[in-house]
Amino acid sequence: MPRATRTPATRRRKKKWLKKAKGFYSGRRKLYRTARETVQRAMAYATRDRKQRRRNYRQLWIQRLNAACREQGVAYSRFIAMLKKAKIQLDRRALSELAIQDRQSFNQLVELAKGAK
């Protein structure tokens, strides 16, 4: 009976990590241990940064809204509170797009919210 080795499984496992390291520089692409460490770190950063991207976009929308609201003489937090009282359910992304693309509609929205005090 021939001696069974675990080479095929090991090769497959290593190729899986090295394939994920494609495009990395030098030994980070070619050396198994370095490639694996780099890929694991990259995957952790990717997970973290997907969450941060959402956070950063929300901050951007709020800053844009605050600037547009202050031109109308109302602070952002008061504007959001007035929208809730007026039962207007638009998210910050949509409001931000309105403030940039269609200033007239946004101004009407602000007036509508002011009327719902």
C-alpha atoms as a PDB file:
ATOM      1  CA  MET A   1       0.000   0.000   0.000  1.00  0.00           C
ATOM      2  CA  PRO A   2       1.510   3.356  -0.971  1.00  0.00           C
ATOM      3  CA  ARG A   3       2.345   5.942   1.640  1.00  0.00           C
ATOM      4  CA  ALA A   4      -0.352   8.620   1.851  1.00  0.00           C
ATOM      5  CA  THR A   5       0.908  12.196   1.959  1.00  0.00           C
ATOM      6  CA  ARG A   6      -1.059  15.332   2.658  1.00  0.00           C
ATOM      7  CA  THR A   7       0.615  17.249  -0.149  1.00  0.00           C
ATOM      8  CA  PRO A   8      -2.457  17.796  -2.365  1.00  0.00           C
ATOM      9  CA  ALA A   9      -4.468  19.294   0.501  1.00  0.00           C
ATOM     10  CA  THR A  10      -1.573  21.485   1.589  1.00  0.00           C
ATOM     11  CA  ARG A  11      -0.982  22.691  -1.964  1.00  0.00           C
ATOM     12  CA  ARG A  12      -4.657  23.569  -2.407  1.00  0.00           C
ATOM     13  CA  ARG A  13      -4.702  25.438   0.907  1.00  0.00           C
ATOM     14  CA  LYS A  14      -1.573  27.415   0.027  1.00  0.00           C
ATOM     15  CA  LYS A  15      -2.775  28.197  -3.506  1.00  0.00           C
ATOM     16  CA  LYS A  16      -6.002  29.583  -2.062  1.00  0.00           C
ATOM     17  CA  TRP A  17      -4.099  32.155   0.015  1.00  0.00           C
ATOM     18  CA  LEU A  18      -1.583  32.950  -2.724  1.00  0.00           C
ATOM     19  CA  LYS A  19      -4.414  33.538  -5.188  1.00  0.00           C
ATOM     20  CA  LYS A  20      -5.926  36.109  -2.807  1.00  0.00           C
ATOM     21  CA  ALA A  21      -2.515  37.808  -2.594  1.00  0.00           C
ATOM     22  CA  LYS A  22      -2.433  38.444  -6.348  1.00  0.00           C
ATOM     23  CA  GLY A  23      -1.369  42.012  -7.070  1.00  0.00           C
ATOM     24  CA  PHE A  24       0.624  42.440  -3.869  1.00  0.00           C
ATOM     25  CA  TYR A  25       4.254  43.505  -4.032  1.00  0.00           C
ATOM     26  CA  SER A  26       7.259  41.163  -3.954  1.00  0.00           C
ATOM     27  CA  GLY A  27       7.272  38.495  -1.232  1.00  0.00           C
ATOM     28  CA  ARG A  28       3.807  39.511  -0.093  1.00  0.00           C
ATOM     29  CA  ARG A  29       2.638  37.829  -3.266  1.00  0.00           C
ATOM     30  CA  LYS A  30       5.081  34.906  -3.513  1.00  0.00           C
ATOM     31  CA  LEU A  31       5.924  33.723   0.012  1.00  0.00           C
ATOM     32  CA  TYR A  32       3.153  31.733   1.661  1.00  0.00           C
ATOM     33  CA  ARG A  33       3.473  32.943   5.245  1.00  0.00           C
ATOM     34  CA  THR A  34       3.930  36.596   4.319  1.00  0.00           C
ATOM     35  CA  ALA A  35       1.127  36.421   1.771  1.00  0.00           C
ATOM     36  CA  ARG A  36      -1.243  34.847   4.260  1.00  0.00           C
ATOM     37  CA  GLU A  37      -0.509  37.442   6.957  1.00  0.00           C
ATOM     38  CA  THR A  38      -0.928  40.267   4.463  1.00  0.00           C
ATOM     39  CA  VAL A  39      -4.204  38.893   3.114  1.00  0.00           C
ATOM     40  CA  GLN A  40      -5.606  38.424   6.619  1.00  0.00           C
ATOM     41  CA  ARG A  41      -4.678  41.987   7.515  1.00  0.00           C
ATOM     42  CA  ALA A  42      -6.136  43.276   4.253  1.00  0.00           C
ATOM     43  CA  MET A  43      -9.397  41.452   4.901  1.00  0.00           C
ATOM     44  CA  ALA A  44      -9.623  42.918   8.406  1.00  0.00           C
ATOM     45  CA  TYR A  45      -9.001  46.425   7.038  1.00  0.00           C
ATOM     46  CA  ALA A  46     -11.602  45.884   4.322  1.00  0.00           C
ATOM     47  CA  THR A  47     -14.236  44.894   6.891  1.00  0.00           C
ATOM     48  CA  ARG A  48     -13.395  47.863   9.108  1.00  0.00           C
ATOM     49  CA  ASP A  49     -13.351  50.316   6.236  1.00  0.00           C
ATOM     50  CA  ARG A  50     -16.706  49.226   4.828  1.00  0.00           C
ATOM     51  CA  LYS A  51     -18.218  50.354   8.125  1.00  0.00           C
ATOM     52  CA  GLN A  52     -16.153  53.544   8.125  1.00  0.00           C
ATOM     53  CA  ARG A  53     -17.261  54.380   4.592  1.00  0.00           C
ATOM     54  CA  ARG A  54     -20.915  54.379   5.694  1.00  0.00           C
ATOM     55  CA  ARG A  55     -20.000  56.517   8.682  1.00  0.00           C
ATOM     56  CA  ASN A  56     -18.083  59.008   6.530  1.00  0.00           C
ATOM     57  CA  TYR A  57     -20.898  59.351   4.007  1.00  0.00           C
ATOM     58  CA  ARG A  58     -23.426  60.027   6.749  1.00  0.00           C
ATOM     59  CA  GLN A  59     -21.132  62.739   8.156  1.00  0.00           C
ATOM     60  CA  LEU A  60     -20.841  64.275   4.690  1.00  0.00           C
ATOM     61  CA  TRP A  61     -24.618  64.313   4.194  1.00  0.00           C
ATOM     62  CA  ILE A  62     -25.124  65.941   7.575  1.00  0.00           C
ATOM     63  CA  GLN A  63     -22.512  68.627   6.841  1.00  0.00           C
ATOM     64  CA  ARG A  64     -24.139  69.405   3.498  1.00  0.00           C
ATOM     65  CA  LEU A  65     -27.575  69.559   5.099  1.00  0.00           C
ATOM     66  CA  ASN A  66     -26.336  71.809   7.895  1.00  0.00           C
ATOM     67  CA  ALA A  67     -24.840  74.251   5.387  1.00  0.00           C
ATOM     68  CA  ALA A  68     -28.006  74.295   3.281  1.00  0.00           C
ATOM     69  CA  CYS A  69     -30.235  74.694   6.346  1.00  0.00           C
ATOM     70  CA  ARG A  70     -28.216  77.566   7.744  1.00  0.00           C
ATOM     71  CA  GLU A  71     -28.698  79.435   4.464  1.00  0.00           C
ATOM     72  CA  GLN A  72     -32.420  79.188   5.249  1.00  0.00           C
ATOM     73  CA  GLY A  73     -31.860  80.401   8.802  1.00  0.00           C
ATOM     74  CA  VAL A  74     -32.387  77.135  10.647  1.00  0.00           C
ATOM     75  CA  ALA A  75     -29.892  74.752  12.247  1.00  0.00           C
ATOM     76  CA  TYR A  76     -29.598  71.145  11.110  1.00  0.00           C
ATOM     77  CA  SER A  77     -30.825  69.603  14.364  1.00  0.00           C
ATOM     78  CA  ARG A  78     -33.897  71.889  14.436  1.00  0.00           C
ATOM     79  CA  PHE A  79     -34.574  71.057  10.788  1.00  0.00           C
ATOM     80  CA  ILE A  80     -34.523  67.299  11.430  1.00  0.00           C
ATOM     81  CA  ALA A  81     -36.798  67.750  14.468  1.00  0.00           C
ATOM     82  CA  MET A  82     -39.227  69.837  12.404  1.00  0.00           C
ATOM     83  CA  LEU A  83     -39.249  67.208   9.640  1.00  0.00           C
ATOM     84  CA  LYS A  84     -40.160  64.538  12.177  1.00  0.00           C
ATOM     85  CA  LYS A  85     -42.997  66.710  13.522  1.00  0.00           C
ATOM     86  CA  ALA A  86     -44.233  67.263   9.963  1.00  0.00           C
ATOM     87  CA  LYS A  87     -44.082  63.469   9.447  1.00  0.00           C
ATOM     88  CA  ILE A  88     -41.759  63.828   6.459  1.00  0.00           C
ATOM     89  CA  GLN A  89     -39.674  60.680   6.186  1.00  0.00           C
ATOM     90  CA  LEU A  90     -36.718  61.396   3.930  1.00  0.00           C
ATOM     91  CA  ASP A  91     -33.305  60.050   4.826  1.00  0.00           C
ATOM     92  CA  ARG A  92     -30.246  62.262   5.068  1.00  0.00           C
ATOM     93  CA  ARG A  93     -28.887  61.033   1.763  1.00  0.00           C
ATOM     94  CA  ALA A  94     -32.018  62.056  -0.143  1.00  0.00           C
ATOM     95  CA  LEU A  95     -32.179  65.388   1.686  1.00  0.00           C
ATOM     96  CA  SER A  96     -28.530  66.046   0.879  1.00  0.00           C
ATOM     97  CA  GLU A  97     -29.089  65.299  -2.811  1.00  0.00           C
ATOM     98  CA  LEU A  98     -32.076  67.648  -2.820  1.00  0.00           C
ATOM     99  CA  ALA A  99     -30.011  70.382  -1.195  1.00  0.00           C
ATOM    100  CA  ILE A 100     -27.326  70.042  -3.880  1.00  0.00           C
ATOM    101  CA  GLN A 101     -29.281  69.235  -7.041  1.00  0.00           C
ATOM    102  CA  ASP A 102     -32.614  71.004  -6.525  1.00  0.00           C
ATOM    103  CA  ARG A 103     -32.218  73.946  -4.151  1.00  0.00           C
ATOM    104  CA  GLN A 104     -35.750  75.255  -4.811  1.00  0.00           C
ATOM    105  CA  SER A 105     -37.410  71.997  -3.715  1.00  0.00           C
ATOM    106  CA  PHE A 106     -35.189  71.873  -0.645  1.00  0.00           C
ATOM    107  CA  ASN A 107     -36.188  75.435   0.292  1.00  0.00           C
ATOM    108  CA  GLN A 108     -39.867  74.470  -0.058  1.00  0.00           C
ATOM    109  CA  LEU A 109     -39.211  71.480   2.182  1.00  0.00           C
ATOM    110  CA  VAL A 110     -37.642  73.753   4.793  1.00  0.00           C
ATOM    111  CA  GLU A 111     -40.662  76.079   4.661  1.00  0.00           C
ATOM    112  CA  LEU A 112     -43.005  73.097   4.949  1.00  0.00           C
ATOM    113  CA  ALA A 113     -41.078  71.866   7.999  1.00  0.00           C
ATOM    114  CA  LYS A 114     -41.101  75.362   9.555  1.00  0.00           C
ATOM    115  CA  GLY A 115     -44.897  75.458   9.169  1.00  0.00           C
ATOM    116  CA  ALA A 116     -45.276  72.230  11.160  1.00  0.00           C
ATOM    117  CA  LYS A 117     -43.971  73.734  14.406  1.00  0.00           C
END
